[in-house]
Every structure is written in C-alpha cells, then in structure tokens.
C-alpha atoms as a PDB file:
ATOM      1  CA  UNK A   1      -5.080 -17.059  -5.326  1.00  0.00           C
ATOM      2  CA  UNK A   2      -5.815 -15.765  -1.822  1.00  0.00           C
ATOM      3  CA  UNK A   3      -7.294 -12.257  -1.716  1.00  0.00           C
ATOM      4  CA  UNK A   4      -6.921 -11.628   2.006  1.00  0.00           C
ATOM      5  CA  UNK A   5      -3.156 -12.155   2.509  1.00  0.00           C
ATOM      6  CA  UNK A   6      -4.091 -12.994   6.086  1.00  0.00           C
ATOM      7  CA  UNK A   7      -5.607  -9.598   6.821  1.00  0.00           C
ATOM      8  CA  UNK A   8      -9.211 -10.684   7.696  1.00  0.00           C
ATOM      9  CA  UNK A   9      -8.424 -11.382  11.347  1.00  0.00           C
ATOM     10  CA  UNK A  10      -7.070  -7.787  11.650  1.00  0.00           C
ATOM     11  CA  UNK A  11     -10.284  -6.069  10.493  1.00  0.00           C
ATOM     12  CA  UNK A  12     -11.460  -3.681  13.249  1.00  0.00           C
ATOM     13  CA  UNK A  13      -8.093  -3.945  14.988  1.00  0.00           C
ATOM     14  CA  UNK A  14      -5.366  -1.402  15.396  1.00  0.00           C
ATOM     15  CA  UNK A  15      -2.583  -1.900  12.879  1.00  0.00           C
ATOM     16  CA  UNK A  16       0.692  -0.144  11.889  1.00  0.00           C
ATOM     17  CA  UNK A  17       1.635   0.281   8.321  1.00  0.00           C
ATOM     18  CA  UNK A  18       5.143   1.236   6.983  1.00  0.00           C
ATOM     19  CA  UNK A  19       4.925   2.624   3.474  1.00  0.00           C
ATOM     20  CA  UNK A  20       7.496   2.442   0.646  1.00  0.00           C
ATOM     21  CA  UNK A  21       8.301   6.110   1.236  1.00  0.00           C
ATOM     22  CA  UNK A  22       9.144   5.425   4.925  1.00  0.00           C
ATOM     23  CA  UNK A  23       5.937   6.723   6.517  1.00  0.00           C
ATOM     24  CA  UNK A  24       4.513   4.993   9.714  1.00  0.00           C
ATOM     25  CA  UNK A  25       0.676   5.132   9.686  1.00  0.00           C
ATOM     26  CA  UNK A  26      -1.388   3.741  12.549  1.00  0.00           C
ATOM     27  CA  UNK A  27      -5.107   3.205  12.570  1.00  0.00           C
ATOM     28  CA  UNK A  28      -7.995   0.785  12.720  1.00  0.00           C
ATOM     29  CA  UNK A  29      -8.233  -1.518   9.737  1.00  0.00           C
ATOM     30  CA  UNK A  30     -11.700  -1.204   8.205  1.00  0.00           C
ATOM     31  CA  UNK A  31     -11.263  -2.890   4.931  1.00  0.00           C
ATOM     32  CA  UNK A  32      -8.928  -4.112   2.171  1.00  0.00           C
ATOM     33  CA  UNK A  33      -9.180  -5.581  -1.330  1.00  0.00           C
ATOM     34  CA  UNK A  34      -7.336  -8.106  -3.537  1.00  0.00           C
ATOM     35  CA  UNK A  35      -4.686  -5.468  -4.412  1.00  0.00           C
ATOM     36  CA  UNK A  36      -4.100  -4.939  -0.627  1.00  0.00           C
ATOM     37  CA  UNK A  37      -5.473  -1.394  -0.852  1.00  0.00           C
ATOM     38  CA  UNK A  38      -6.160  -0.602   2.808  1.00  0.00           C
ATOM     39  CA  UNK A  39      -8.880   1.540   4.485  1.00  0.00           C
ATOM     40  CA  UNK A  40      -7.908   2.860   7.979  1.00  0.00           C
ATOM     41  CA  UNK A  41     -10.181   4.699  10.415  1.00  0.00           C
ATOM     42  CA  UNK A  42      -8.991   6.980  13.285  1.00  0.00           C
ATOM     43  CA  UNK A  43      -5.533   6.975  11.695  1.00  0.00           C
ATOM     44  CA  UNK A  44      -2.510   9.113  12.351  1.00  0.00           C
ATOM     45  CA  UNK A  45       0.964   9.297  11.057  1.00  0.00           C
ATOM     46  CA  UNK A  46       3.893   9.029  13.430  1.00  0.00           C
ATOM     47  CA  UNK A  47       6.746  11.254  12.373  1.00  0.00           C
ATOM     48  CA  UNK A  48      10.140  10.390  13.931  1.00  0.00           C
ATOM     49  CA  UNK A  49      12.966  12.883  14.556  1.00  0.00           C
ATOM     50  CA  UNK A  50      16.348  12.781  16.246  1.00  0.00           C
ATOM     51  CA  UNK A  51      15.832  16.278  17.711  1.00  0.00           C
ATOM     52  CA  UNK A  52      12.283  15.996  19.220  1.00  0.00           C
ATOM     53  CA  UNK A  53       9.764  13.365  20.212  1.00  0.00           C
ATOM     54  CA  UNK A  54       7.467  11.524  17.753  1.00  0.00           C
ATOM     55  CA  UNK A  55       4.831  13.829  16.285  1.00  0.00           C
ATOM     56  CA  UNK A  56       1.424  12.306  15.581  1.00  0.00           C
ATOM     57  CA  UNK A  57      -0.416  13.863  12.646  1.00  0.00           C
ATOM     58  CA  UNK A  58      -4.122  13.049  12.650  1.00  0.00           C
ATOM     59  CA  UNK A  59      -5.310  11.733   9.209  1.00  0.00           C
ATOM     60  CA  UNK A  60      -8.772  10.298  10.138  1.00  0.00           C
ATOM     61  CA  UNK A  61     -10.359   8.037   7.515  1.00  0.00           C
ATOM     62  CA  UNK A  62      -7.401   7.082   5.171  1.00  0.00           C
ATOM     63  CA  UNK A  63      -6.856   4.965   2.209  1.00  0.00           C
ATOM     64  CA  UNK A  64      -3.509   3.527   1.296  1.00  0.00           C
ATOM     65  CA  UNK A  65      -2.772   1.953  -2.104  1.00  0.00           C
ATOM     66  CA  UNK A  66      -1.501  -1.547  -1.903  1.00  0.00           C
ATOM     67  CA  UNK A  67       1.540  -0.799  -4.148  1.00  0.00           C
ATOM     68  CA  UNK A  68       2.744   1.722  -1.609  1.00  0.00           C
ATOM     69  CA  UNK A  69       2.727  -0.674   1.410  1.00  0.00           C
ATOM     70  CA  UNK A  70       5.965  -2.294   2.635  1.00  0.00           C
ATOM     71  CA  UNK A  71       4.840  -3.847   5.911  1.00  0.00           C
ATOM     72  CA  UNK A  72       1.533  -4.370   7.749  1.00  0.00           C
ATOM     73  CA  UNK A  73       1.540  -5.346  11.403  1.00  0.00           C
ATOM     74  CA  UNK A  74      -0.808  -5.814  14.285  1.00  0.00           C
ATOM     75  CA  UNK A  75      -0.349  -3.142  16.981  1.00  0.00           C
ATOM     76  CA  UNK A  76      -0.496  -4.226  20.631  1.00  0.00           C
ATOM     77  CA  UNK A  77      -2.604  -1.380  21.998  1.00  0.00           C
ATOM     78  CA  UNK A  78      -1.795  -2.088  25.671  1.00  0.00           C
ATOM     79  CA  UNK A  79       1.954  -2.016  24.971  1.00  0.00           C
ATOM     80  CA  UNK A  80       1.626   1.044  22.624  1.00  0.00           C
ATOM     81  CA  UNK A  81      -0.271   2.960  25.313  1.00  0.00           C
ATOM     82  CA  UNK A  82       2.674   2.645  27.757  1.00  0.00           C
ATOM     83  CA  UNK A  83       5.191   4.041  25.263  1.00  0.00           C
ATOM     84  CA  UNK A  84       5.975   7.739  25.888  1.00  0.00           C
ATOM     85  CA  UNK A  85       6.085   8.894  22.253  1.00  0.00           C
ATOM     86  CA  UNK A  86       6.914  12.492  23.184  1.00  0.00           C
ATOM     87  CA  UNK A  87      10.196  11.185  24.700  1.00  0.00           C
ATOM     88  CA  UNK A  88      11.074   8.744  21.861  1.00  0.00           C
ATOM     89  CA  UNK A  89      13.690   9.842  19.298  1.00  0.00           C
ATOM     90  CA  UNK A  90      14.801   8.060  16.154  1.00  0.00           C
ATOM     91  CA  UNK A  91      15.925   8.579  12.579  1.00  0.00           C
ATOM     92  CA  UNK A  92      13.028   8.753  10.009  1.00  0.00           C
ATOM     93  CA  UNK A  93      12.926   5.622   7.831  1.00  0.00           C
ATOM     94  CA  UNK A  94      14.410   5.890   4.392  1.00  0.00           C
ATOM     95  CA  UNK A  95      12.353   5.001   1.258  1.00  0.00           C
ATOM     96  CA  UNK A  96      12.391   1.474  -0.079  1.00  0.00           C
ATOM     97  CA  UNK A  97      14.726   1.175  -3.071  1.00  0.00           C
ATOM     98  CA  UNK A  98      13.662  -1.456  -5.639  1.00  0.00           C
END
C-alpha cells in the first residue's frame, strides 16, 4: 500500500485543501502520514461570502485530520497572487454528505 498518495512532491509547496465541512484552507505542506493527516505552515482559511469579498483568517501552523479532507491540490502561487480576493464573491461550499 502506498503511504504518500502522491503528496511527497508537494512538501514545502503551497497547497489548497477543501475539508468535508466545506472549509478552504491554504498553506505550505510540511508533512503528512499514512492516514493523510496533513501539517500546514503559514496557513489561512479562505471564507467565501456572496455579500463581501473573501476573508482570510490566519491559522499559522495547522494540522488537518485525513478523514476530514475531501480534496488536496497544488496552488499556483503566481496565479493566486493576481487574484483580487477582496473583490471575489461566492457561495460557501456545503458539507460533503456521505
């Protein structure tokens, strides 16, 4: 059984995680284990709203349990830097229903 799930190349890279409860957390991947528990550094949560721009809540060093992760993706830092999050509006994600 593979323990990395393809995450090794993403260590020390900026990633975005969507959790089962619909949260979007962005940070630098510092480590993971066989249960896909994730350690992020310099992380923040992006909170979407239809009435105001995206809020970014600083979390710092953050651990996310693997059973609470829906999606893990690499974040293009150059493209992300050009997005004006304060002007972006959107509905918050709904929780995953099993």
